[in-house]
Amino acid sequence: MLVIVAPGQGSQTPGFLAPWLELDGYRDRLEWLSAVAGLDLVAHGTTSDADTIRDTAVAQPLLVAAGLTSLPTLFDDPAEVTGRVGAWAGHSVGEITAAAAAGVLGHEQAMVLVRERGRLMAEAAAATPTGMSAVLGGDPDEVATVLQGHGLTPANMNGGGQVVAAGTTEQLAALQEAPPTRARVIPLQVAGAFHTHHMGSAVEQLGRYARAIVTQDPGTRLASNADGQVVASGHEVLQRLVTQVSNPVRWDLCMQTFADLGVTGLIELAPAGTLTGLAKRALKGVELLPLKTPDDLEAARRMIREHGTPAETTRAAAQEETQ
């Protein structure tokens, strides 16, 4: 069974889209999504510097656009996007990419949603100096106790001994000074305490927008960051996308769901590397491919052929889970 995943904020690097623009039709698709987002995503994906694309209001639309514009390069027939993939998932903002790929949202809807998500989260982050740090290693119980002691939230439970702590800059500085035993603390290049109560104002406004968004039920399985569960209702997917902004990402549970479903191959959309790195530790024996440049497309298409589920089987499974 094939799983395709979309990375979250922090995975972007300057110029990561430059080689993709050489593919026929890629620039046209990216320019259209740029028009929808009201941002020059071509420039941000090719020439903008690290500080520019670190801005939440830029990074989030850029990441979703990168994922959505890559889909036609992977699948000759658009029906295969939902027909050959056994499950979709995305980490944090990557959930919007996955939801659109699974058919819950149109690509234009996804870009408007992520544009507003990024803008609102940037505004919420500006209200108080906050950030995030990765905690690698250490005893899980001690890590949880230390984070609680510093007043920090375990915002991303990524599995493989990695937890991302989020809170104020003062709280994160205290964690750096007094980390859990045998754990490393690495500050992340994100501009806010995402997936915590600090994002409450963004959730409120996104919830109002969501009332006007029309969804479709997923055409294939879609695993949720909230608890790793497969969600079969398009309306519920949208509600989870909204509330997830201020709640922890349970990527560890998403990977457990992949294992329970019998995953044999996993492809990570560009800018790839982070999620396949986590899967390398958690999903032993699964073939992994980070789709970093067009040079990886031949291997990705082979994996789709070898691990992909026949379209009729996937649709039948999705329909069965809605009943």
Protein backbone atom coordinates (compact mmCIF):
# COMPACT_ATOMS: atom_id res chain seq x y z
CA MET A 1 0.00 0.00 0.00
CA LEU A 2 1.24 3.46 -0.94
CA VAL A 3 1.07 6.48 1.37
CA ILE A 4 1.86 10.01 0.17
CA VAL A 5 2.60 12.69 2.76
CA ALA A 6 3.07 16.47 2.64
CA PRO A 7 5.59 18.27 4.88
CA GLY A 8 4.91 21.19 7.17
CA GLN A 9 6.38 24.58 7.92
CA GLY A 10 10.13 24.68 8.41
CA SER A 11 10.86 22.24 5.60
CA GLN A 12 11.20 25.02 2.99
CA THR A 13 14.66 26.16 1.87
CA PRO A 14 15.69 29.01 -0.45
CA GLY A 15 15.40 28.08 -4.12
CA PHE A 16 13.83 24.65 -3.56
CA LEU A 17 11.35 25.09 -6.42
CA ALA A 18 13.89 26.25 -9.02
CA PRO A 19 14.46 22.84 -10.66
CA TRP A 20 10.72 22.14 -10.79
CA LEU A 21 10.03 25.19 -12.93
CA GLU A 22 11.87 23.50 -15.79
CA LEU A 23 9.01 20.97 -16.13
CA ASP A 24 6.32 21.62 -18.74
CA GLY A 25 3.29 23.28 -17.20
CA TYR A 26 4.73 23.63 -13.70
CA ARG A 27 5.30 27.39 -13.87
CA ASP A 28 1.78 27.91 -15.25
CA ARG A 29 0.22 26.00 -12.37
CA LEU A 30 2.35 27.83 -9.81
CA GLU A 31 1.53 31.22 -11.29
CA TRP A 32 -2.20 30.41 -11.12
CA LEU A 33 -1.94 29.42 -7.44
CA SER A 34 0.11 32.59 -6.89
CA ALA A 35 -2.79 34.61 -8.28
CA VAL A 36 -5.19 32.83 -5.92
CA ALA A 37 -2.91 33.37 -2.91
CA GLY A 38 -2.03 36.96 -3.79
CA LEU A 39 1.69 36.13 -3.46
CA ASP A 40 4.51 35.71 -5.97
CA LEU A 41 5.15 32.06 -5.17
CA VAL A 42 7.44 31.69 -8.17
CA ALA A 43 9.81 34.24 -6.66
CA HIS A 44 9.43 32.87 -3.15
CA GLY A 45 10.22 29.36 -4.38
CA THR A 46 13.28 30.41 -6.37
CA THR A 47 14.92 33.69 -5.38
CA SER A 48 13.55 34.77 -1.97
CA ASP A 49 15.97 34.43 0.93
CA ALA A 50 15.57 32.31 4.05
CA ASP A 51 14.18 35.13 6.19
CA THR A 52 11.51 35.95 3.61
CA ILE A 53 10.20 32.42 3.28
CA ARG A 54 10.37 31.92 7.04
CA ASP A 55 7.48 34.39 7.34
CA THR A 56 4.43 32.29 8.23
CA ALA A 57 2.22 34.20 5.79
CA VAL A 58 4.62 33.26 2.97
CA ALA A 59 5.81 29.81 4.05
CA GLN A 60 2.40 28.19 4.39
CA PRO A 61 0.98 29.08 0.95
CA LEU A 62 4.37 28.26 -0.60
CA LEU A 63 4.41 24.76 0.89
CA VAL A 64 0.84 23.92 -0.10
CA ALA A 65 1.36 25.25 -3.63
CA ALA A 66 4.56 23.20 -3.95
CA GLY A 67 2.69 20.04 -3.07
CA LEU A 68 -0.34 20.68 -5.27
CA THR A 69 1.66 21.66 -8.36
CA SER A 70 3.68 18.45 -8.09
CA LEU A 71 0.65 16.13 -8.35
CA PRO A 72 0.32 16.30 -12.16
CA THR A 73 4.00 15.40 -12.44
CA LEU A 74 3.40 12.17 -10.50
CA PHE A 75 0.18 10.95 -12.09
CA ASP A 76 -0.61 10.75 -15.81
CA ASP A 77 -4.33 10.44 -15.06
CA PRO A 78 -5.82 12.81 -12.44
CA ALA A 79 -8.09 9.98 -11.26
CA GLU A 80 -5.00 8.14 -10.05
CA VAL A 81 -4.41 10.83 -7.42
CA THR A 82 -7.22 9.30 -5.37
CA GLY A 83 -7.26 5.92 -7.10
CA ARG A 84 -3.72 4.63 -6.65
CA VAL A 85 -2.88 6.09 -3.22
CA GLY A 86 -3.87 4.01 -0.21
CA ALA A 87 -3.72 6.95 2.21
CA TRP A 88 -2.82 10.64 2.34
CA ALA A 89 -1.59 12.70 5.26
CA GLY A 90 0.17 15.99 5.88
CA HIS A 91 2.13 17.39 8.79
CA SER A 92 0.58 20.59 10.16
CA VAL A 93 -0.06 22.90 7.16
CA GLY A 94 0.68 19.89 4.96
CA GLU A 95 -2.75 18.60 6.00
CA ILE A 96 -4.29 21.17 3.64
CA THR A 97 -2.21 19.76 0.79
CA ALA A 98 -3.30 16.23 1.67
CA ALA A 99 -6.97 17.23 1.99
CA ALA A 100 -6.93 18.82 -1.46
CA ALA A 101 -5.11 15.83 -2.97
CA ALA A 102 -7.72 13.50 -1.48
CA GLY A 103 -10.52 15.56 -3.03
CA VAL A 104 -11.93 17.26 0.08
CA LEU A 105 -11.08 20.75 -1.18
CA GLY A 106 -10.48 22.19 -4.63
CA HIS A 107 -6.98 23.52 -5.21
CA GLU A 108 -8.22 27.10 -5.25
CA GLN A 109 -10.15 26.55 -2.00
CA ALA A 110 -7.01 25.09 -0.45
CA MET A 111 -4.95 28.13 -1.44
CA VAL A 112 -7.47 30.60 -0.04
CA LEU A 113 -7.67 28.60 3.19
CA VAL A 114 -3.90 28.40 3.60
CA ARG A 115 -3.48 32.07 2.69
CA GLU A 116 -5.81 33.03 5.53
CA ARG A 117 -4.34 30.40 7.87
CA GLY A 118 -0.85 31.76 7.34
CA ARG A 119 -1.93 35.37 7.71
CA LEU A 120 -3.95 34.75 10.86
CA MET A 121 -1.27 32.60 12.48
CA ALA A 122 1.34 35.26 11.72
CA GLU A 123 -0.88 37.87 13.40
CA ALA A 124 -1.40 35.62 16.42
CA ALA A 125 2.33 34.96 16.67
CA ALA A 126 3.07 38.69 16.56
CA ALA A 127 0.97 39.29 19.67
CA THR A 128 3.54 37.61 21.94
CA PRO A 129 7.18 36.61 21.22
CA THR A 130 6.91 32.83 20.86
CA GLY A 131 8.64 29.98 19.07
CA MET A 132 9.33 26.26 18.91
CA SER A 133 12.25 23.94 19.70
CA ALA A 134 12.79 20.29 18.88
CA VAL A 135 13.65 18.02 21.80
CA LEU A 136 15.56 14.97 20.60
CA GLY A 137 16.04 11.93 22.78
CA GLY A 138 15.66 11.62 26.54
CA ASP A 139 13.19 9.58 28.54
CA PRO A 140 9.66 10.35 27.24
CA ASP A 141 8.17 10.72 30.73
CA GLU A 142 10.98 13.03 31.83
CA VAL A 143 10.67 15.09 28.65
CA ALA A 144 6.94 15.56 29.30
CA THR A 145 7.62 16.54 32.93
CA VAL A 146 10.33 19.03 32.01
CA LEU A 147 8.20 20.67 29.33
CA GLN A 148 5.31 21.01 31.75
CA GLY A 149 7.66 22.48 34.33
CA HIS A 150 8.75 25.16 31.89
CA GLY A 151 5.14 25.89 30.91
CA LEU A 152 5.70 24.59 27.37
CA THR A 153 3.32 22.63 25.14
CA PRO A 154 4.41 19.44 23.31
CA ALA A 155 3.08 20.85 20.03
CA ASN A 156 4.36 18.11 17.72
CA MET A 157 4.64 14.49 18.82
CA ASN A 158 6.69 13.27 15.89
CA GLY A 159 7.73 9.81 17.03
CA GLY A 160 11.24 8.41 16.96
CA GLY A 161 12.15 10.24 20.15
CA GLN A 162 11.32 13.70 18.76
CA VAL A 163 8.97 16.16 20.45
CA VAL A 164 8.60 19.80 19.43
CA ALA A 165 8.06 22.16 22.35
CA ALA A 166 6.25 25.46 21.84
CA GLY A 167 5.80 28.52 24.04
CA THR A 168 7.16 31.96 24.78
CA THR A 169 10.76 32.85 24.01
CA GLU A 170 11.46 33.04 27.75
CA GLN A 171 10.09 29.53 28.31
CA LEU A 172 12.14 28.17 25.41
CA ALA A 173 15.28 29.88 26.72
CA ALA A 174 14.70 28.21 30.09
CA LEU A 175 14.38 24.84 28.35
CA GLN A 176 17.67 25.46 26.55
CA GLU A 177 19.32 26.15 29.90
CA ALA A 178 17.72 23.19 31.70
CA PRO A 179 16.88 20.45 29.16
CA PRO A 180 15.78 16.91 29.97
CA THR A 181 18.57 14.46 30.73
CA ARG A 182 20.29 13.03 27.63
CA ALA A 183 18.18 15.20 25.31
CA ARG A 184 19.21 17.80 22.75
CA VAL A 185 17.22 21.00 22.28
CA ILE A 186 17.31 22.57 18.81
CA PRO A 187 15.55 25.90 18.16
CA LEU A 188 13.40 25.77 15.00
CA GLN A 189 13.15 28.41 12.30
CA VAL A 190 9.46 29.12 12.77
CA ALA A 191 7.94 32.40 13.88
CA GLY A 192 5.45 31.34 16.53
CA ALA A 193 4.15 28.78 19.01
CA PHE A 194 1.99 26.92 16.53
CA HIS A 195 -0.47 24.25 17.67
CA THR A 196 -0.86 25.85 21.10
CA HIS A 197 -3.32 28.19 22.81
CA HIS A 198 -1.30 31.11 21.44
CA MET A 199 -3.08 30.48 18.10
CA GLY A 200 -6.58 30.87 19.56
CA SER A 201 -7.46 34.04 17.63
CA ALA A 202 -6.56 32.35 14.32
CA VAL A 203 -8.85 29.41 15.10
CA GLU A 204 -11.80 31.69 15.78
CA GLN A 205 -11.54 33.49 12.43
CA LEU A 206 -10.78 30.33 10.43
CA GLY A 207 -13.85 28.74 11.99
CA ARG A 208 -16.01 31.55 10.63
CA TYR A 209 -14.50 31.15 7.16
CA ALA A 210 -15.03 27.39 7.28
CA ARG A 211 -18.79 27.84 7.53
CA ALA A 212 -18.79 29.07 3.92
CA ILE A 213 -16.53 26.35 2.48
CA VAL A 214 -18.13 23.47 0.57
CA THR A 215 -16.32 20.14 0.94
CA GLN A 216 -16.44 16.68 -0.59
CA ASP A 217 -15.79 13.43 1.26
CA PRO A 218 -12.25 12.12 0.68
CA GLY A 219 -11.85 9.89 -2.35
CA THR A 220 -9.35 7.79 -0.41
CA ARG A 221 -8.16 7.43 3.17
CA LEU A 222 -7.00 10.62 4.89
CA ALA A 223 -5.23 10.38 8.25
CA SER A 224 -5.72 13.24 10.71
CA ASN A 225 -3.02 14.99 12.74
CA ALA A 226 -5.37 15.18 15.70
CA ASP A 227 -5.27 11.47 16.55
CA GLY A 228 -3.98 9.59 13.52
CA GLN A 229 -7.47 8.36 12.68
CA VAL A 230 -8.77 8.02 9.12
CA VAL A 231 -11.50 10.63 8.60
CA ALA A 232 -14.14 9.81 5.99
CA SER A 233 -16.28 12.98 6.21
CA GLY A 234 -15.19 16.04 4.26
CA HIS A 235 -16.98 18.32 6.73
CA GLU A 236 -15.12 16.74 9.63
CA VAL A 237 -11.80 17.04 7.80
CA LEU A 238 -12.38 20.79 7.43
CA GLN A 239 -13.32 21.18 11.10
CA ARG A 240 -10.17 19.33 12.11
CA LEU A 241 -8.06 21.54 9.84
CA VAL A 242 -9.38 24.54 11.74
CA THR A 243 -9.03 23.23 15.31
CA GLN A 244 -5.62 21.66 14.62
CA VAL A 245 -4.11 25.15 14.45
CA SER A 246 -4.20 25.35 18.26
CA ASN A 247 -3.85 21.65 19.09
CA PRO A 248 -0.83 19.31 19.05
CA VAL A 249 0.16 17.40 15.92
CA ARG A 250 0.22 13.66 16.58
CA TRP A 251 2.39 12.55 13.67
CA ASP A 252 3.45 9.55 15.73
CA LEU A 253 -0.16 8.32 15.61
CA CYS A 254 -0.40 9.01 11.88
CA MET A 255 2.60 6.77 11.29
CA GLN A 256 1.04 4.10 13.49
CA THR A 257 -2.07 4.28 11.29
CA PHE A 258 0.09 3.82 8.19
CA ALA A 259 1.60 0.71 9.76
CA ASP A 260 -1.82 -0.65 10.77
CA LEU A 261 -3.07 -0.16 7.19
CA GLY A 262 -0.14 -2.17 5.86
CA VAL A 263 1.96 0.55 4.20
CA THR A 264 4.75 -0.76 1.97
CA GLY A 265 5.83 2.47 0.27
CA LEU A 266 5.82 6.14 1.32
CA ILE A 267 6.50 9.20 -0.84
CA GLU A 268 7.03 12.64 0.70
CA LEU A 269 6.16 15.61 -1.53
CA ALA A 270 8.60 18.49 -1.96
CA PRO A 271 10.28 20.05 -0.06
CA ALA A 272 10.92 16.54 1.18
CA GLY A 273 13.17 14.97 3.77
CA THR A 274 11.71 15.66 7.22
CA LEU A 275 8.86 13.15 7.18
CA THR A 276 10.82 10.39 5.45
CA GLY A 277 13.48 10.90 8.12
CA LEU A 278 10.90 10.25 10.82
CA ALA A 279 9.46 7.29 8.91
CA LYS A 280 12.92 5.74 8.60
CA ARG A 281 12.91 5.19 12.35
CA ALA A 282 9.22 4.37 12.82
CA LEU A 283 8.30 2.36 9.71
CA LYS A 284 10.98 -0.29 9.35
CA GLY A 285 10.98 -2.17 6.06
CA VAL A 286 8.87 0.43 4.22
CA GLU A 287 10.32 1.84 0.99
CA LEU A 288 10.72 5.61 1.42
CA LEU A 289 11.23 8.34 -1.15
CA PRO A 290 11.73 12.05 -0.44
CA LEU A 291 10.62 13.81 -3.63
CA LYS A 292 13.21 16.60 -3.59
CA THR A 293 13.79 17.38 -7.28
CA PRO A 294 12.44 16.24 -10.66
CA ASP A 295 15.31 13.74 -10.73
CA ASP A 296 13.28 11.73 -8.20
CA LEU A 297 10.17 11.49 -10.40
CA GLU A 298 11.16 8.28 -12.18
CA ALA A 299 11.61 6.49 -8.85
CA ALA A 300 8.32 7.96 -7.57
CA ARG A 301 6.38 6.71 -10.59
CA ARG A 302 7.91 3.27 -10.17
CA MET A 303 6.77 3.25 -6.54
CA ILE A 304 3.27 4.26 -7.59
CA ARG A 305 3.16 1.32 -9.99
CA GLU A 306 4.61 -1.16 -7.50
CA HIS A 307 2.93 -0.04 -4.26
CA GLY A 308 -0.16 1.74 -5.59
CA THR A 309 -3.57 0.21 -5.09
CA PRO A 310 -5.82 -0.40 -8.13
CA ALA A 311 -8.29 2.47 -8.34
CA GLU A 312 -11.41 0.36 -7.84
CA THR A 313 -9.98 -1.21 -4.66
CA THR A 314 -9.12 2.15 -3.11
CA ARG A 315 -12.51 3.67 -3.89
CA ALA A 316 -14.28 0.63 -2.47
CA ALA A 317 -12.27 0.92 0.77
CA ALA A 318 -13.07 4.62 1.07
CA GLN A 319 -16.79 4.01 0.49
CA GLU A 320 -16.83 1.18 3.02
CA GLU A 321 -15.31 3.44 5.70
CA THR A 322 -18.10 6.02 5.18
CA GLN A 323 -20.80 3.47 5.91
